[in-house]
């Protein structure tokens, strides 16, 4: 098992030196028409097609799948812990957890039963519970591993003025921080108690990742890196055109076109470790 230093060095090593154009080596491609995909730190990728979740390895080989009732669409998924995967359905206001075999480890958790009837976004917590964004009260709420409410943010009304939409909100936890992405506003950053820290001026489009201190997101044919400490932003063009979305895991680049997902190995001509 890796220790903390090894994990840190692995995370740092793959990050590009943006000034040096990265080289890419094609690995594989998979014909996939479903619009949404995500990745985990084990280099697997997950495709969501309405009520079906499909897991592929980094060689584009299908490993397993999970299906729900046809009326239960999968609207959001969090694979930050691939051994405890969270999926969420907005219409039923329910979430449930799966293991790494895509088998249920909880019954559906109906948020209506806890007094939250309009939840726009959810994410898993490294502490075992989960966070929700309560659209009615414009608050973050944390539930522990026993599904008991423990923490709340202040009301975030000031960020939702002039009819700001709550339908495309993105919520994730990383490195003891909570990130609430509001496309028209930016990314709000909170500590693990739900206390607001600052707003990052990142217009991220459809989604974003957090790796170390960087916010990473795809937009207009390029992958952007926003440094949350220096507040600098850099980008580079992808090795393929007509990309709808892109993600990175370790030294792999995943790009999604309309009907195809392609994986490349990222080979830097100059790594940050060498600088």
C-alpha atoms as a PDB file:
ATOM      1  CA  UNK A   1       0.000   0.000   0.000  1.00  0.00           C
ATOM      2  CA  UNK A   2       1.264   3.506  -0.843  1.00  0.00           C
ATOM      3  CA  UNK A   3       2.113   5.864   1.962  1.00  0.00           C
ATOM      4  CA  UNK A   4       1.192   9.546   1.933  1.00  0.00           C
ATOM      5  CA  UNK A   5       4.493  10.676   0.359  1.00  0.00           C
ATOM      6  CA  UNK A   6       4.175   8.205  -2.514  1.00  0.00           C
ATOM      7  CA  UNK A   7       0.623   9.299  -3.256  1.00  0.00           C
ATOM      8  CA  UNK A   8       1.687  12.949  -3.230  1.00  0.00           C
ATOM      9  CA  UNK A   9       4.561  12.322  -5.648  1.00  0.00           C
ATOM     10  CA  UNK A  10       2.309  10.373  -8.024  1.00  0.00           C
ATOM     11  CA  UNK A  11      -0.257  13.200  -8.050  1.00  0.00           C
ATOM     12  CA  UNK A  12       2.419  15.820  -8.679  1.00  0.00           C
ATOM     13  CA  UNK A  13       4.297  13.839 -11.340  1.00  0.00           C
ATOM     14  CA  UNK A  14       1.519  13.667 -13.901  1.00  0.00           C
ATOM     15  CA  UNK A  15       0.647  17.366 -13.831  1.00  0.00           C
ATOM     16  CA  UNK A  16       1.901  19.024 -17.006  1.00  0.00           C
ATOM     17  CA  UNK A  17       4.371  21.785 -17.450  1.00  0.00           C
ATOM     18  CA  UNK A  18       1.961  23.869 -19.496  1.00  0.00           C
ATOM     19  CA  UNK A  19       4.740  25.890 -21.090  1.00  0.00           C
ATOM     20  CA  UNK A  20       6.053  22.631 -22.583  1.00  0.00           C
ATOM     21  CA  UNK A  21       3.563  21.128 -25.003  1.00  0.00           C
ATOM     22  CA  UNK A  22       2.542  17.688 -23.675  1.00  0.00           C
ATOM     23  CA  UNK A  23       2.858  14.617 -25.863  1.00  0.00           C
ATOM     24  CA  UNK A  24       0.059  12.076 -26.046  1.00  0.00           C
ATOM     25  CA  UNK A  25       0.165   8.395 -26.919  1.00  0.00           C
ATOM     26  CA  UNK A  26      -3.123   6.844 -27.979  1.00  0.00           C
ATOM     27  CA  UNK A  27      -4.194   3.872 -25.828  1.00  0.00           C
ATOM     28  CA  UNK A  28      -7.711   2.854 -26.831  1.00  0.00           C
ATOM     29  CA  UNK A  29     -11.165   4.014 -27.849  1.00  0.00           C
ATOM     30  CA  UNK A  30     -14.695   2.855 -27.135  1.00  0.00           C
ATOM     31  CA  UNK A  31     -17.867   3.521 -29.088  1.00  0.00           C
ATOM     32  CA  UNK A  32     -20.124   5.219 -26.557  1.00  0.00           C
ATOM     33  CA  UNK A  33     -23.053   7.474 -27.367  1.00  0.00           C
ATOM     34  CA  UNK A  34     -24.134   8.200 -23.786  1.00  0.00           C
ATOM     35  CA  UNK A  35     -23.260  11.825 -23.032  1.00  0.00           C
ATOM     36  CA  UNK A  36     -21.989  11.568 -19.449  1.00  0.00           C
ATOM     37  CA  UNK A  37     -18.843   9.886 -18.135  1.00  0.00           C
ATOM     38  CA  UNK A  38     -16.524  10.217 -15.168  1.00  0.00           C
ATOM     39  CA  UNK A  39     -13.303   8.611 -13.897  1.00  0.00           C
ATOM     40  CA  UNK A  40     -11.778   7.342 -10.657  1.00  0.00           C
ATOM     41  CA  UNK A  41      -8.239   7.362  -9.297  1.00  0.00           C
ATOM     42  CA  UNK A  42      -7.786   3.699 -10.319  1.00  0.00           C
ATOM     43  CA  UNK A  43      -8.015   4.851 -13.965  1.00  0.00           C
ATOM     44  CA  UNK A  44     -11.431   3.281 -14.518  1.00  0.00           C
ATOM     45  CA  UNK A  45     -14.089   5.245 -16.348  1.00  0.00           C
ATOM     46  CA  UNK A  46     -17.840   5.142 -15.817  1.00  0.00           C
ATOM     47  CA  UNK A  47     -20.533   5.816 -18.386  1.00  0.00           C
ATOM     48  CA  UNK A  48     -24.072   6.787 -17.417  1.00  0.00           C
ATOM     49  CA  UNK A  49     -26.817   6.002 -19.908  1.00  0.00           C
ATOM     50  CA  UNK A  50     -30.176   6.998 -18.390  1.00  0.00           C
ATOM     51  CA  UNK A  51     -30.775   4.249 -15.800  1.00  0.00           C
ATOM     52  CA  UNK A  52     -27.591   2.242 -16.419  1.00  0.00           C
ATOM     53  CA  UNK A  53     -24.092   2.694 -15.019  1.00  0.00           C
ATOM     54  CA  UNK A  54     -21.259   0.905 -16.865  1.00  0.00           C
ATOM     55  CA  UNK A  55     -17.712   0.504 -15.586  1.00  0.00           C
ATOM     56  CA  UNK A  56     -14.747   0.205 -17.994  1.00  0.00           C
ATOM     57  CA  UNK A  57     -11.056  -0.231 -17.235  1.00  0.00           C
ATOM     58  CA  UNK A  58      -8.260   1.886 -18.717  1.00  0.00           C
ATOM     59  CA  UNK A  59      -7.997  -0.520 -21.669  1.00  0.00           C
ATOM     60  CA  UNK A  60     -11.597   0.293 -22.650  1.00  0.00           C
ATOM     61  CA  UNK A  61     -12.763  -3.153 -21.556  1.00  0.00           C
ATOM     62  CA  UNK A  62     -16.180  -3.394 -19.940  1.00  0.00           C
ATOM     63  CA  UNK A  63     -15.912  -4.704 -16.394  1.00  0.00           C
ATOM     64  CA  UNK A  64     -19.481  -4.623 -15.052  1.00  0.00           C
ATOM     65  CA  UNK A  65     -22.719  -2.651 -15.021  1.00  0.00           C
ATOM     66  CA  UNK A  66     -25.566  -1.622 -12.757  1.00  0.00           C
ATOM     67  CA  UNK A  67     -29.144  -0.921 -13.810  1.00  0.00           C
ATOM     68  CA  UNK A  68     -32.015   0.667 -11.947  1.00  0.00           C
ATOM     69  CA  UNK A  69     -35.731   0.721 -12.705  1.00  0.00           C
ATOM     70  CA  UNK A  70     -36.472   2.501 -15.980  1.00  0.00           C
ATOM     71  CA  UNK A  71     -38.114   5.368 -14.097  1.00  0.00           C
ATOM     72  CA  UNK A  72     -35.026   5.921 -11.896  1.00  0.00           C
ATOM     73  CA  UNK A  73     -32.562   7.804 -14.070  1.00  0.00           C
ATOM     74  CA  UNK A  74     -29.033   8.353 -12.787  1.00  0.00           C
ATOM     75  CA  UNK A  75     -28.664  12.137 -12.692  1.00  0.00           C
ATOM     76  CA  UNK A  76     -25.378  12.347 -10.794  1.00  0.00           C
ATOM     77  CA  UNK A  77     -22.586  10.028  -9.713  1.00  0.00           C
ATOM     78  CA  UNK A  78     -19.606  10.418  -7.376  1.00  0.00           C
ATOM     79  CA  UNK A  79     -16.780   7.879  -7.724  1.00  0.00           C
ATOM     80  CA  UNK A  80     -14.208   9.693  -5.585  1.00  0.00           C
ATOM     81  CA  UNK A  81     -14.205   6.477  -3.548  1.00  0.00           C
ATOM     82  CA  UNK A  82     -14.549   3.641  -6.094  1.00  0.00           C
ATOM     83  CA  UNK A  83     -15.372   1.250  -3.239  1.00  0.00           C
ATOM     84  CA  UNK A  84     -18.351   3.367  -2.184  1.00  0.00           C
ATOM     85  CA  UNK A  85     -19.962   4.949  -5.236  1.00  0.00           C
ATOM     86  CA  UNK A  86     -22.800   7.422  -4.813  1.00  0.00           C
ATOM     87  CA  UNK A  87     -25.581   7.758  -7.401  1.00  0.00           C
ATOM     88  CA  UNK A  88     -28.441  10.256  -7.261  1.00  0.00           C
ATOM     89  CA  UNK A  89     -31.871  10.638  -8.857  1.00  0.00           C
ATOM     90  CA  UNK A  90     -33.474  14.096  -8.766  1.00  0.00           C
ATOM     91  CA  UNK A  91     -37.041  13.103  -9.622  1.00  0.00           C
ATOM     92  CA  UNK A  92     -37.306  10.658  -6.706  1.00  0.00           C
ATOM     93  CA  UNK A  93     -34.920  12.762  -4.591  1.00  0.00           C
ATOM     94  CA  UNK A  94     -33.055   9.570  -3.708  1.00  0.00           C
ATOM     95  CA  UNK A  95     -29.447   8.486  -3.489  1.00  0.00           C
ATOM     96  CA  UNK A  96     -27.812   5.135  -2.868  1.00  0.00           C
ATOM     97  CA  UNK A  97     -24.332   3.676  -2.547  1.00  0.00           C
ATOM     98  CA  UNK A  98     -22.686   0.894  -4.579  1.00  0.00           C
ATOM     99  CA  UNK A  99     -19.487  -1.057  -3.962  1.00  0.00           C
ATOM    100  CA  UNK A 100     -16.679  -1.552  -6.471  1.00  0.00           C
ATOM    101  CA  UNK A 101     -18.608  -4.470  -7.978  1.00  0.00           C
ATOM    102  CA  UNK A 102     -21.503  -2.074  -8.638  1.00  0.00           C
ATOM    103  CA  UNK A 103     -23.670  -3.929  -6.127  1.00  0.00           C
ATOM    104  CA  UNK A 104     -25.888  -2.019  -3.714  1.00  0.00           C
ATOM    105  CA  UNK A 105     -24.541  -1.529  -0.208  1.00  0.00           C
ATOM    106  CA  UNK A 106     -27.476   0.635   0.932  1.00  0.00           C
ATOM    107  CA  UNK A 107     -31.154   0.846   0.218  1.00  0.00           C
ATOM    108  CA  UNK A 108     -32.245   4.039  -1.547  1.00  0.00           C
ATOM    109  CA  UNK A 109     -32.026   7.018   0.811  1.00  0.00           C
ATOM    110  CA  UNK A 110     -35.049   9.272   0.290  1.00  0.00           C
ATOM    111  CA  UNK A 111     -34.123  12.835   1.183  1.00  0.00           C
ATOM    112  CA  UNK A 112     -37.800  13.764   1.537  1.00  0.00           C
ATOM    113  CA  UNK A 113     -37.780  11.768   4.777  1.00  0.00           C
ATOM    114  CA  UNK A 114     -35.187  14.172   6.194  1.00  0.00           C
ATOM    115  CA  UNK A 115     -37.140  17.287   5.235  1.00  0.00           C
ATOM    116  CA  UNK A 116     -35.215  18.100   2.059  1.00  0.00           C
ATOM    117  CA  UNK A 117     -37.543  18.037  -0.925  1.00  0.00           C
ATOM    118  CA  UNK A 118     -35.575  19.961  -3.567  1.00  0.00           C
ATOM    119  CA  UNK A 119     -31.959  18.817  -3.698  1.00  0.00           C
ATOM    120  CA  UNK A 120     -29.961  20.091  -6.668  1.00  0.00           C
ATOM    121  CA  UNK A 121     -26.642  18.306  -6.085  1.00  0.00           C
ATOM    122  CA  UNK A 122     -24.996  15.708  -3.861  1.00  0.00           C
ATOM    123  CA  UNK A 123     -21.488  14.403  -3.291  1.00  0.00           C
ATOM    124  CA  UNK A 124     -19.808  11.752  -1.185  1.00  0.00           C
ATOM    125  CA  UNK A 125     -17.596  12.653   1.763  1.00  0.00           C
ATOM    126  CA  UNK A 126     -14.258  11.096   2.632  1.00  0.00           C
ATOM    127  CA  UNK A 127     -15.599  10.811   6.179  1.00  0.00           C
ATOM    128  CA  UNK A 128     -18.170   8.288   4.997  1.00  0.00           C
ATOM    129  CA  UNK A 129     -21.279  10.439   4.754  1.00  0.00           C
ATOM    130  CA  UNK A 130     -22.452  12.817   2.055  1.00  0.00           C
ATOM    131  CA  UNK A 131     -23.204  16.463   1.325  1.00  0.00           C
ATOM    132  CA  UNK A 132     -26.298  17.863  -0.361  1.00  0.00           C
ATOM    133  CA  UNK A 133     -27.188  21.276  -1.745  1.00  0.00           C
ATOM    134  CA  UNK A 134     -30.650  22.203  -0.485  1.00  0.00           C
ATOM    135  CA  UNK A 135     -32.214  24.304  -3.225  1.00  0.00           C
ATOM    136  CA  UNK A 136     -35.095  25.536  -1.058  1.00  0.00           C
ATOM    137  CA  UNK A 137     -32.884  27.109   1.617  1.00  0.00           C
ATOM    138  CA  UNK A 138     -29.732  27.565  -0.502  1.00  0.00           C
ATOM    139  CA  UNK A 139     -27.560  25.687   1.978  1.00  0.00           C
ATOM    140  CA  UNK A 140     -25.015  22.907   2.075  1.00  0.00           C
ATOM    141  CA  UNK A 141     -25.977  20.110   4.477  1.00  0.00           C
ATOM    142  CA  UNK A 142     -23.768  17.250   5.661  1.00  0.00           C
ATOM    143  CA  UNK A 143     -25.077  13.818   6.727  1.00  0.00           C
ATOM    144  CA  UNK A 144     -22.743  11.423   8.511  1.00  0.00           C
ATOM    145  CA  UNK A 145     -22.251   7.720   7.840  1.00  0.00           C
ATOM    146  CA  UNK A 146     -25.395   6.943   9.861  1.00  0.00           C
ATOM    147  CA  UNK A 147     -27.421   9.352   7.674  1.00  0.00           C
ATOM    148  CA  UNK A 148     -27.760  11.841  10.509  1.00  0.00           C
ATOM    149  CA  UNK A 149     -27.616  15.554   9.740  1.00  0.00           C
ATOM    150  CA  UNK A 150     -24.539  17.120  11.342  1.00  0.00           C
ATOM    151  CA  UNK A 151     -23.487  20.338   9.598  1.00  0.00           C
ATOM    152  CA  UNK A 152     -24.998  23.187   7.609  1.00  0.00           C
ATOM    153  CA  UNK A 153     -23.550  26.145   5.787  1.00  0.00           C
ATOM    154  CA  UNK A 154     -25.010  29.614   6.093  1.00  0.00           C
ATOM    155  CA  UNK A 155     -27.718  30.578   3.602  1.00  0.00           C
ATOM    156  CA  UNK A 156     -26.081  31.348   0.258  1.00  0.00           C
ATOM    157  CA  UNK A 157     -28.737  33.727  -1.060  1.00  0.00           C
ATOM    158  CA  UNK A 158     -26.211  36.355  -2.156  1.00  0.00           C
ATOM    159  CA  UNK A 159     -24.823  33.989  -4.778  1.00  0.00           C
ATOM    160  CA  UNK A 160     -28.216  33.286  -6.321  1.00  0.00           C
ATOM    161  CA  UNK A 161     -29.472  36.718  -7.253  1.00  0.00           C
ATOM    162  CA  UNK A 162     -31.075  37.778 -10.531  1.00  0.00           C
ATOM    163  CA  UNK A 163     -32.518  34.347 -11.240  1.00  0.00           C
ATOM    164  CA  UNK A 164     -29.241  32.377 -11.084  1.00  0.00           C
ATOM    165  CA  UNK A 165     -30.067  28.782 -12.001  1.00  0.00           C
ATOM    166  CA  UNK A 166     -29.609  25.951  -9.517  1.00  0.00           C
ATOM    167  CA  UNK A 167     -30.184  23.175 -12.070  1.00  0.00           C
ATOM    168  CA  UNK A 168     -26.558  22.751 -13.241  1.00  0.00           C
ATOM    169  CA  UNK A 169     -24.820  23.010  -9.883  1.00  0.00           C
ATOM    170  CA  UNK A 170     -21.802  20.773  -9.287  1.00  0.00           C
ATOM    171  CA  UNK A 171     -20.849  19.658  -5.769  1.00  0.00           C
ATOM    172  CA  UNK A 172     -17.735  17.761  -4.712  1.00  0.00           C
ATOM    173  CA  UNK A 173     -15.452  17.236  -1.737  1.00  0.00           C
ATOM    174  CA  UNK A 174     -11.696  17.063  -2.097  1.00  0.00           C
ATOM    175  CA  UNK A 175      -8.847  17.330   0.409  1.00  0.00           C
ATOM    176  CA  UNK A 176     -11.193  18.386   3.242  1.00  0.00           C
ATOM    177  CA  UNK A 177     -12.691  21.206   1.168  1.00  0.00           C
ATOM    178  CA  UNK A 178     -16.150  21.399  -0.350  1.00  0.00           C
ATOM    179  CA  UNK A 179     -16.546  22.917  -3.813  1.00  0.00           C
ATOM    180  CA  UNK A 180     -19.903  24.217  -5.000  1.00  0.00           C
ATOM    181  CA  UNK A 181     -19.805  25.076  -8.682  1.00  0.00           C
ATOM    182  CA  UNK A 182     -22.366  27.569  -9.984  1.00  0.00           C
ATOM    183  CA  UNK A 183     -21.835  28.018 -13.743  1.00  0.00           C
ATOM    184  CA  UNK A 184     -22.866  31.708 -13.866  1.00  0.00           C
ATOM    185  CA  UNK A 185     -20.999  32.636 -10.679  1.00  0.00           C
ATOM    186  CA  UNK A 186     -17.894  30.487 -10.231  1.00  0.00           C
ATOM    187  CA  UNK A 187     -16.797  27.861  -7.721  1.00  0.00           C
ATOM    188  CA  UNK A 188     -17.509  28.483  -4.042  1.00  0.00           C
ATOM    189  CA  UNK A 189     -15.014  26.926  -1.654  1.00  0.00           C
ATOM    190  CA  UNK A 190     -15.919  25.795   1.894  1.00  0.00           C
ATOM    191  CA  UNK A 191     -14.029  24.121   4.719  1.00  0.00           C
ATOM    192  CA  UNK A 192     -15.063  20.723   6.092  1.00  0.00           C
ATOM    193  CA  UNK A 193     -17.440  22.408   8.559  1.00  0.00           C
ATOM    194  CA  UNK A 194     -19.350  24.027   5.701  1.00  0.00           C
ATOM    195  CA  UNK A 195     -17.952  27.504   6.390  1.00  0.00           C
ATOM    196  CA  UNK A 196     -17.541  29.659   3.297  1.00  0.00           C
ATOM    197  CA  UNK A 197     -13.935  30.521   2.383  1.00  0.00           C
ATOM    198  CA  UNK A 198     -13.911  32.226  -1.018  1.00  0.00           C
ATOM    199  CA  UNK A 199     -15.237  32.215  -4.566  1.00  0.00           C
ATOM    200  CA  UNK A 200     -12.953  31.101  -7.381  1.00  0.00           C
ATOM    201  CA  UNK A 201     -13.702  32.990 -10.631  1.00  0.00           C
ATOM    202  CA  UNK A 202     -13.862  29.819 -12.729  1.00  0.00           C
ATOM    203  CA  UNK A 203     -16.576  29.500 -15.405  1.00  0.00           C
ATOM    204  CA  UNK A 204     -16.269  25.761 -15.766  1.00  0.00           C
ATOM    205  CA  UNK A 205     -19.011  24.761 -18.211  1.00  0.00           C
ATOM    206  CA  UNK A 206     -20.327  21.259 -17.545  1.00  0.00           C
ATOM    207  CA  UNK A 207     -18.038  20.073 -14.745  1.00  0.00           C
ATOM    208  CA  UNK A 208     -14.626  20.251 -13.102  1.00  0.00           C
ATOM    209  CA  UNK A 209     -12.035  18.262 -11.164  1.00  0.00           C
ATOM    210  CA  UNK A 210      -9.828  19.180  -8.218  1.00  0.00           C
ATOM    211  CA  UNK A 211      -6.308  17.757  -8.236  1.00  0.00           C
ATOM    212  CA  UNK A 212      -3.944  18.986  -5.537  1.00  0.00           C
ATOM    213  CA  UNK A 213      -4.380  22.780  -5.682  1.00  0.00           C
ATOM    214  CA  UNK A 214      -5.682  22.910  -9.260  1.00  0.00           C
ATOM    215  CA  UNK A 215      -9.219  23.235 -10.601  1.00  0.00           C
ATOM    216  CA  UNK A 216      -9.246  21.381 -13.919  1.00  0.00           C
ATOM    217  CA  UNK A 217     -12.009  21.751 -16.477  1.00  0.00           C
ATOM    218  CA  UNK A 218     -12.651  21.439 -20.207  1.00  0.00           C
ATOM    219  CA  UNK A 219     -13.927  24.240 -22.401  1.00  0.00           C
ATOM    220  CA  UNK A 220     -13.785  25.131 -26.115  1.00  0.00           C
ATOM    221  CA  UNK A 221     -11.263  22.491 -27.158  1.00  0.00           C
ATOM    222  CA  UNK A 222      -8.836  23.087 -24.302  1.00  0.00           C
ATOM    223  CA  UNK A 223      -8.147  21.742 -20.840  1.00  0.00           C
ATOM    224  CA  UNK A 224      -7.755  24.519 -18.265  1.00  0.00           C
ATOM    225  CA  UNK A 225      -5.794  24.488 -15.005  1.00  0.00           C
ATOM    226  CA  UNK A 226      -6.696  27.125 -12.410  1.00  0.00           C
ATOM    227  CA  UNK A 227      -4.268  27.311  -9.484  1.00  0.00           C
ATOM    228  CA  UNK A 228      -6.267  28.068  -6.324  1.00  0.00           C
ATOM    229  CA  UNK A 229      -3.160  29.415  -4.546  1.00  0.00           C
ATOM    230  CA  UNK A 230      -1.488  31.576  -7.181  1.00  0.00           C
ATOM    231  CA  UNK A 231      -4.831  32.318  -8.909  1.00  0.00           C
ATOM    232  CA  UNK A 232      -3.120  31.770 -12.268  1.00  0.00           C
ATOM    233  CA  UNK A 233      -4.739  29.894 -15.131  1.00  0.00           C
ATOM    234  CA  UNK A 234      -3.081  27.932 -17.929  1.00  0.00           C
ATOM    235  CA  UNK A 235      -4.395  25.691 -20.685  1.00  0.00           C
ATOM    236  CA  UNK A 236      -3.433  23.474 -23.588  1.00  0.00           C
ATOM    237  CA  UNK A 237      -5.178  22.074 -26.652  1.00  0.00           C
ATOM    238  CA  UNK A 238      -6.318  18.454 -26.740  1.00  0.00           C
ATOM    239  CA  UNK A 239      -4.942  15.935 -29.258  1.00  0.00           C
ATOM    240  CA  UNK A 240      -8.360  15.337 -30.859  1.00  0.00           C
ATOM    241  CA  UNK A 241     -11.101  17.603 -32.206  1.00  0.00           C
ATOM    242  CA  UNK A 242     -14.855  17.787 -31.573  1.00  0.00           C
ATOM    243  CA  UNK A 243     -14.522  16.952 -27.883  1.00  0.00           C
ATOM    244  CA  UNK A 244     -17.574  17.363 -25.657  1.00  0.00           C
ATOM    245  CA  UNK A 245     -15.776  16.801 -22.361  1.00  0.00           C
ATOM    246  CA  UNK A 246     -12.413  15.675 -21.021  1.00  0.00           C
ATOM    247  CA  UNK A 247     -10.915  14.449 -17.755  1.00  0.00           C
ATOM    248  CA  UNK A 248      -7.523  13.381 -16.471  1.00  0.00           C
ATOM    249  CA  UNK A 249      -6.499  10.677 -14.014  1.00  0.00           C
ATOM    250  CA  UNK A 250      -2.874  10.106 -13.070  1.00  0.00           C
ATOM    251  CA  UNK A 251      -1.097  10.098 -16.460  1.00  0.00           C
ATOM    252  CA  UNK A 252      -4.178   9.387 -18.566  1.00  0.00           C
ATOM    253  CA  UNK A 253      -6.306  11.787 -20.591  1.00  0.00           C
ATOM    254  CA  UNK A 254      -9.920  10.825 -21.323  1.00  0.00           C
ATOM    255  CA  UNK A 255     -11.741  12.648 -24.128  1.00  0.00           C
ATOM    256  CA  UNK A 256     -15.408  12.218 -25.015  1.00  0.00           C
ATOM    257  CA  UNK A 257     -16.669  12.904 -28.521  1.00  0.00           C
ATOM    258  CA  UNK A 258     -20.282  12.483 -29.623  1.00  0.00           C
ATOM    259  CA  UNK A 259     -20.103   8.703 -30.092  1.00  0.00           C
ATOM    260  CA  UNK A 260     -16.591   7.832 -28.953  1.00  0.00           C
ATOM    261  CA  UNK A 261     -14.450   7.916 -25.833  1.00  0.00           C
ATOM    262  CA  UNK A 262     -10.681   7.970 -26.393  1.00  0.00           C
ATOM    263  CA  UNK A 263      -7.889   7.462 -23.862  1.00  0.00           C
ATOM    264  CA  UNK A 264      -4.360   8.792 -24.229  1.00  0.00           C
ATOM    265  CA  UNK A 265      -1.272   8.452 -22.100  1.00  0.00           C
ATOM    266  CA  UNK A 266       0.084  11.821 -21.115  1.00  0.00           C
ATOM    267  CA  UNK A 267       3.819  12.079 -21.769  1.00  0.00           C
ATOM    268  CA  UNK A 268       5.341  15.381 -20.685  1.00  0.00           C
ATOM    269  CA  UNK A 269       8.469  16.662 -22.301  1.00  0.00           C
ATOM    270  CA  UNK A 270       9.177  18.307 -18.969  1.00  0.00           C
ATOM    271  CA  UNK A 271       7.563  17.347 -15.663  1.00  0.00           C
ATOM    272  CA  UNK A 272       7.029  19.472 -12.610  1.00  0.00           C
ATOM    273  CA  UNK A 273       9.140  17.083 -10.581  1.00  0.00           C
ATOM    274  CA  UNK A 274      12.159  17.990 -12.723  1.00  0.00           C
ATOM    275  CA  UNK A 275      11.660  21.739 -12.402  1.00  0.00           C
END
